[in-house]
Each structure stands twice: as C-alpha cells, then as structure tokens.
C-alpha cells in the first residue's frame, strides 16, 4: 500500500521513541494497531456488502429473465395445445361423418340387395373366390361361383375411416350408433 523501505521505517520508529517516550510508546503502538485493525475490518465489511448487493442484483436480473422465458414458454404451449384441440375436434367431426356413412338403418339391413346388383363385398370377394377354386382338369367340369352377399357400406366411407388418423380424444368403436333399438 505505502511504499516504505526498511530504513525509512527505522527512522520513523526512532523519532516516535524520542517524541513519545519509552513509557508511552507501547500504549500508542497498541492504540494504533487497534485503529488499523478496525479500519481493515470496516473495509472488509464494505467490500462484502458491495459484493452481496451485486449478487442480489444479478439474481434479480436472472429471476426476471427466467420469468419472462417461462411466460413465453407458457404462451407457446397454450397455442400448441389450442391447435391440437382444434385438430382433435376436426378429426372427431370427420370420424362422426364417417360413422354416419357407415350407419345402416334397420330398413336397409332387412332388405336384400336386388338380384342383378353387385355390392362392394361381392366385387371384392369374386377375385378372391376365383383364386380359391381348383383348376379344372376337364373342359366340361362345372365352375364354382361365389354366393351373392348383402349390402355393405359405400367404399368412400370405408376409405375415409381407414385413412383417418387415430385420435386420443375420439374412439369411433366406443361411440354408440344413433340407430340402435
């Protein structure tokens, strides 16, 4: 702190011994030591207080920035959830429309298909039945033909239900038909 050499300190001690005297010198030295100690403690307390205030200010700034980021995250999550809910409602509406297309009324279930009309199931079953027949060994042997089947759902409705993505909100299998008795 102060730039004193050993020679200069020796001169100051000799002058203090002559001016103060040998009886008073120890008391003065103790008093000067105590004052210097108090000054050092006071300076250390001020330094630590300044450091605490700086840390507190840093913590406040950090808290504000974290709170701002949390608010931004909450806003983006709410927007994402709203979008997901909107998509779920749209899928639920599409699934309801598909289920309505699949719903067979009691009258439709009881009336057989006209003899000359081919349904989607019989059209799909005909190629499969042709694969199941045994190759004819003779030219005059009778061929097997599939039996006609009853009415089925339109192919557009079946394709819509198969292409619809699974939704955790709506399960078309758990929905009861509106036309059940």
Protein backbone atom coordinates (compact mmCIF):
# COMPACT_ATOMS: atom_id res chain seq x y z
CA UNK A 1 0.00 0.00 0.00
CA UNK A 2 2.52 2.56 1.12
CA UNK A 3 5.97 2.17 -0.28
CA UNK A 4 8.27 2.31 2.77
CA UNK A 5 11.68 0.78 2.86
CA UNK A 6 13.16 -0.74 5.99
CA UNK A 7 15.45 2.23 6.54
CA UNK A 8 12.57 4.70 6.44
CA UNK A 9 10.58 2.61 8.95
CA UNK A 10 13.61 2.52 11.28
CA UNK A 11 13.87 6.32 11.17
CA UNK A 12 10.11 6.70 11.96
CA UNK A 13 10.44 4.34 14.97
CA UNK A 14 13.45 6.23 16.36
CA UNK A 15 11.63 9.59 16.01
CA UNK A 16 8.49 8.13 17.69
CA UNK A 17 10.64 6.80 20.58
CA UNK A 18 12.23 10.19 21.10
CA UNK A 19 8.99 12.22 20.75
CA UNK A 20 6.59 9.93 22.67
CA UNK A 21 8.96 8.47 25.15
CA UNK A 22 9.72 4.91 26.19
CA UNK A 23 6.84 4.66 28.74
CA UNK A 24 4.05 5.80 26.38
CA UNK A 25 5.29 4.04 23.21
CA UNK A 26 3.69 0.60 23.94
CA UNK A 27 0.26 2.18 24.66
CA UNK A 28 0.41 4.26 21.47
CA UNK A 29 1.50 1.22 19.44
CA UNK A 30 -1.50 -0.81 20.82
CA UNK A 31 -3.90 2.03 20.06
CA UNK A 32 -2.54 2.44 16.51
CA UNK A 33 -2.79 -1.37 15.98
CA UNK A 34 -6.42 -1.42 17.19
CA UNK A 35 -7.36 1.51 14.93
CA UNK A 36 -5.67 -0.10 11.92
CA UNK A 37 -7.46 -3.44 12.72
CA UNK A 38 -10.86 -1.70 12.95
CA UNK A 39 -10.19 0.10 9.67
CA UNK A 40 -9.31 -3.19 7.97
CA UNK A 41 -12.46 -4.93 9.31
CA UNK A 42 -14.61 -1.98 8.20
CA UNK A 43 -13.11 -2.06 4.70
CA UNK A 44 -13.67 -5.86 4.52
CA UNK A 45 -17.34 -5.43 5.61
CA UNK A 46 -17.90 -2.74 2.99
CA UNK A 47 -16.39 -4.96 0.30
CA UNK A 48 -18.54 -7.95 1.27
CA UNK A 49 -21.68 -5.77 1.39
CA UNK A 50 -20.96 -4.43 -2.10
CA UNK A 51 -20.43 -7.99 -3.36
CA UNK A 52 -23.72 -9.14 -1.78
CA UNK A 53 -25.59 -6.25 -3.40
CA UNK A 54 -24.06 -7.09 -6.78
CA UNK A 55 -25.02 -10.75 -6.39
CA UNK A 56 -28.53 -9.77 -5.31
CA UNK A 57 -28.88 -7.54 -8.38
CA UNK A 58 -27.63 -10.38 -10.60
CA UNK A 59 -30.15 -12.76 -9.01
CA UNK A 60 -32.99 -10.26 -9.60
CA UNK A 61 -32.00 -9.93 -13.26
CA UNK A 62 -31.78 -13.71 -13.60
CA UNK A 63 -35.18 -14.13 -11.93
CA UNK A 64 -36.75 -11.60 -14.32
CA UNK A 65 -35.25 -13.25 -17.39
CA UNK A 66 -36.35 -16.74 -16.24
CA UNK A 67 -39.86 -15.44 -15.53
CA UNK A 68 -40.03 -13.84 -18.99
CA UNK A 69 -38.89 -17.09 -20.63
CA UNK A 70 -41.44 -19.06 -18.58
CA UNK A 71 -44.23 -16.73 -19.73
CA UNK A 72 -43.12 -17.10 -23.36
CA UNK A 73 -42.99 -20.89 -23.00
CA UNK A 74 -46.43 -20.95 -21.39
CA UNK A 75 -47.84 -18.85 -24.23
CA UNK A 76 -46.35 -21.12 -26.89
CA UNK A 77 -47.58 -24.24 -25.07
CA UNK A 78 -51.10 -22.82 -24.79
CA UNK A 79 -51.06 -22.01 -28.52
CA UNK A 80 -49.84 -25.54 -29.31
CA UNK A 81 -52.49 -27.12 -27.11
CA UNK A 82 -55.19 -24.98 -28.74
CA UNK A 83 -54.02 -26.16 -32.17
CA UNK A 84 -54.04 -29.79 -31.05
CA UNK A 85 -57.53 -29.41 -29.60
CA UNK A 86 -58.72 -27.80 -32.86
CA UNK A 87 -57.26 -30.69 -34.86
CA UNK A 88 -58.87 -33.19 -32.48
CA UNK A 89 -62.27 -31.53 -32.93
CA UNK A 90 -61.87 -31.62 -36.72
CA UNK A 91 -60.88 -35.30 -36.60
CA UNK A 92 -63.79 -36.04 -34.32
CA UNK A 93 -66.15 -34.35 -36.77
CA UNK A 94 -64.66 -36.32 -39.68
CA UNK A 95 -64.95 -39.55 -37.74
CA UNK A 96 -68.57 -38.73 -36.87
CA UNK A 97 -69.29 -38.15 -40.56
CA UNK A 98 -67.60 -41.43 -41.44
CA UNK A 99 -69.57 -43.24 -38.76
CA UNK A 100 -72.78 -41.67 -40.08
CA UNK A 101 -71.90 -43.01 -43.54
CA UNK A 102 -71.37 -46.47 -42.04
CA UNK A 103 -74.56 -46.47 -40.04
CA UNK A 104 -77.05 -48.92 -41.53
CA UNK A 105 -80.68 -48.33 -40.74
CA UNK A 106 -82.97 -51.22 -39.79
CA UNK A 107 -84.77 -51.00 -43.13
CA UNK A 108 -81.54 -51.21 -45.12
CA UNK A 109 -80.34 -54.20 -43.10
CA UNK A 110 -83.58 -56.13 -43.64
CA UNK A 111 -83.99 -55.50 -47.37
CA UNK A 112 -81.84 -57.74 -49.57
CA UNK A 113 -79.91 -56.33 -52.49
CA UNK A 114 -81.61 -56.61 -55.90
CA UNK A 115 -80.52 -59.77 -57.72
CA UNK A 116 -78.76 -58.00 -60.58
CA UNK A 117 -76.71 -55.57 -58.45
CA UNK A 118 -73.24 -56.32 -57.29
CA UNK A 119 -72.12 -54.97 -53.92
CA UNK A 120 -68.59 -53.97 -52.96
CA UNK A 121 -68.16 -57.09 -50.86
CA UNK A 122 -69.18 -59.39 -53.69
CA UNK A 123 -66.99 -57.44 -56.12
CA UNK A 124 -64.06 -57.83 -53.73
CA UNK A 125 -64.89 -61.47 -52.99
CA UNK A 126 -65.13 -62.53 -56.64
CA UNK A 127 -61.36 -62.27 -57.35
CA UNK A 128 -60.60 -63.98 -54.05
CA UNK A 129 -63.06 -66.76 -54.81
CA UNK A 130 -61.54 -67.23 -58.25
CA UNK A 131 -58.18 -67.82 -56.56
CA UNK A 132 -59.72 -70.42 -54.24
CA UNK A 133 -61.23 -72.57 -56.98
CA UNK A 134 -59.48 -75.75 -58.04
CA UNK A 135 -58.11 -75.67 -61.59
CA UNK A 136 -60.32 -77.72 -63.89
CA UNK A 137 -58.86 -80.91 -65.14
CA UNK A 138 -61.63 -81.42 -67.64
CA UNK A 139 -63.13 -78.94 -70.03
CA UNK A 140 -66.71 -79.87 -69.16
CA UNK A 141 -66.44 -79.70 -65.31
CA UNK A 142 -68.66 -77.11 -63.56
CA UNK A 143 -67.08 -73.97 -62.10
CA UNK A 144 -67.71 -72.75 -58.55
CA UNK A 145 -69.14 -69.26 -58.17
CA UNK A 146 -69.35 -67.19 -55.00
CA UNK A 147 -72.75 -66.70 -53.39
CA UNK A 148 -74.19 -63.16 -53.58
CA UNK A 149 -73.87 -61.20 -50.36
CA UNK A 150 -76.00 -58.48 -48.74
CA UNK A 151 -75.50 -54.71 -48.89
CA UNK A 152 -72.34 -53.18 -47.43
CA UNK A 153 -71.03 -49.71 -46.65
CA UNK A 154 -70.02 -47.46 -49.56
CA UNK A 155 -66.32 -47.72 -50.45
CA UNK A 156 -65.79 -43.96 -49.88
CA UNK A 157 -66.83 -44.27 -46.24
CA UNK A 158 -64.58 -47.29 -45.69
CA UNK A 159 -61.63 -45.46 -47.23
CA UNK A 160 -62.32 -42.36 -45.10
CA UNK A 161 -62.31 -44.37 -41.88
CA UNK A 162 -59.17 -46.31 -42.83
CA UNK A 163 -57.30 -43.13 -43.78
CA UNK A 164 -58.37 -41.17 -40.69
CA UNK A 165 -55.51 -40.88 -38.16
CA UNK A 166 -56.03 -42.25 -34.66
CA UNK A 167 -57.22 -39.65 -32.19
CA UNK A 168 -56.76 -39.94 -28.42
CA UNK A 169 -59.90 -37.84 -27.90
CA UNK A 170 -62.36 -39.80 -30.09
CA UNK A 171 -62.67 -43.55 -30.49
CA UNK A 172 -65.23 -44.45 -33.18
CA UNK A 173 -65.50 -48.01 -31.85
CA UNK A 174 -66.75 -46.77 -28.47
CA UNK A 175 -69.39 -44.47 -29.97
CA UNK A 176 -72.86 -45.98 -29.97
CA UNK A 177 -74.87 -45.95 -33.14
CA UNK A 178 -77.72 -43.45 -33.25
CA UNK A 179 -79.99 -46.01 -34.94
CA UNK A 180 -79.78 -48.82 -32.38
CA UNK A 181 -83.04 -50.06 -30.86
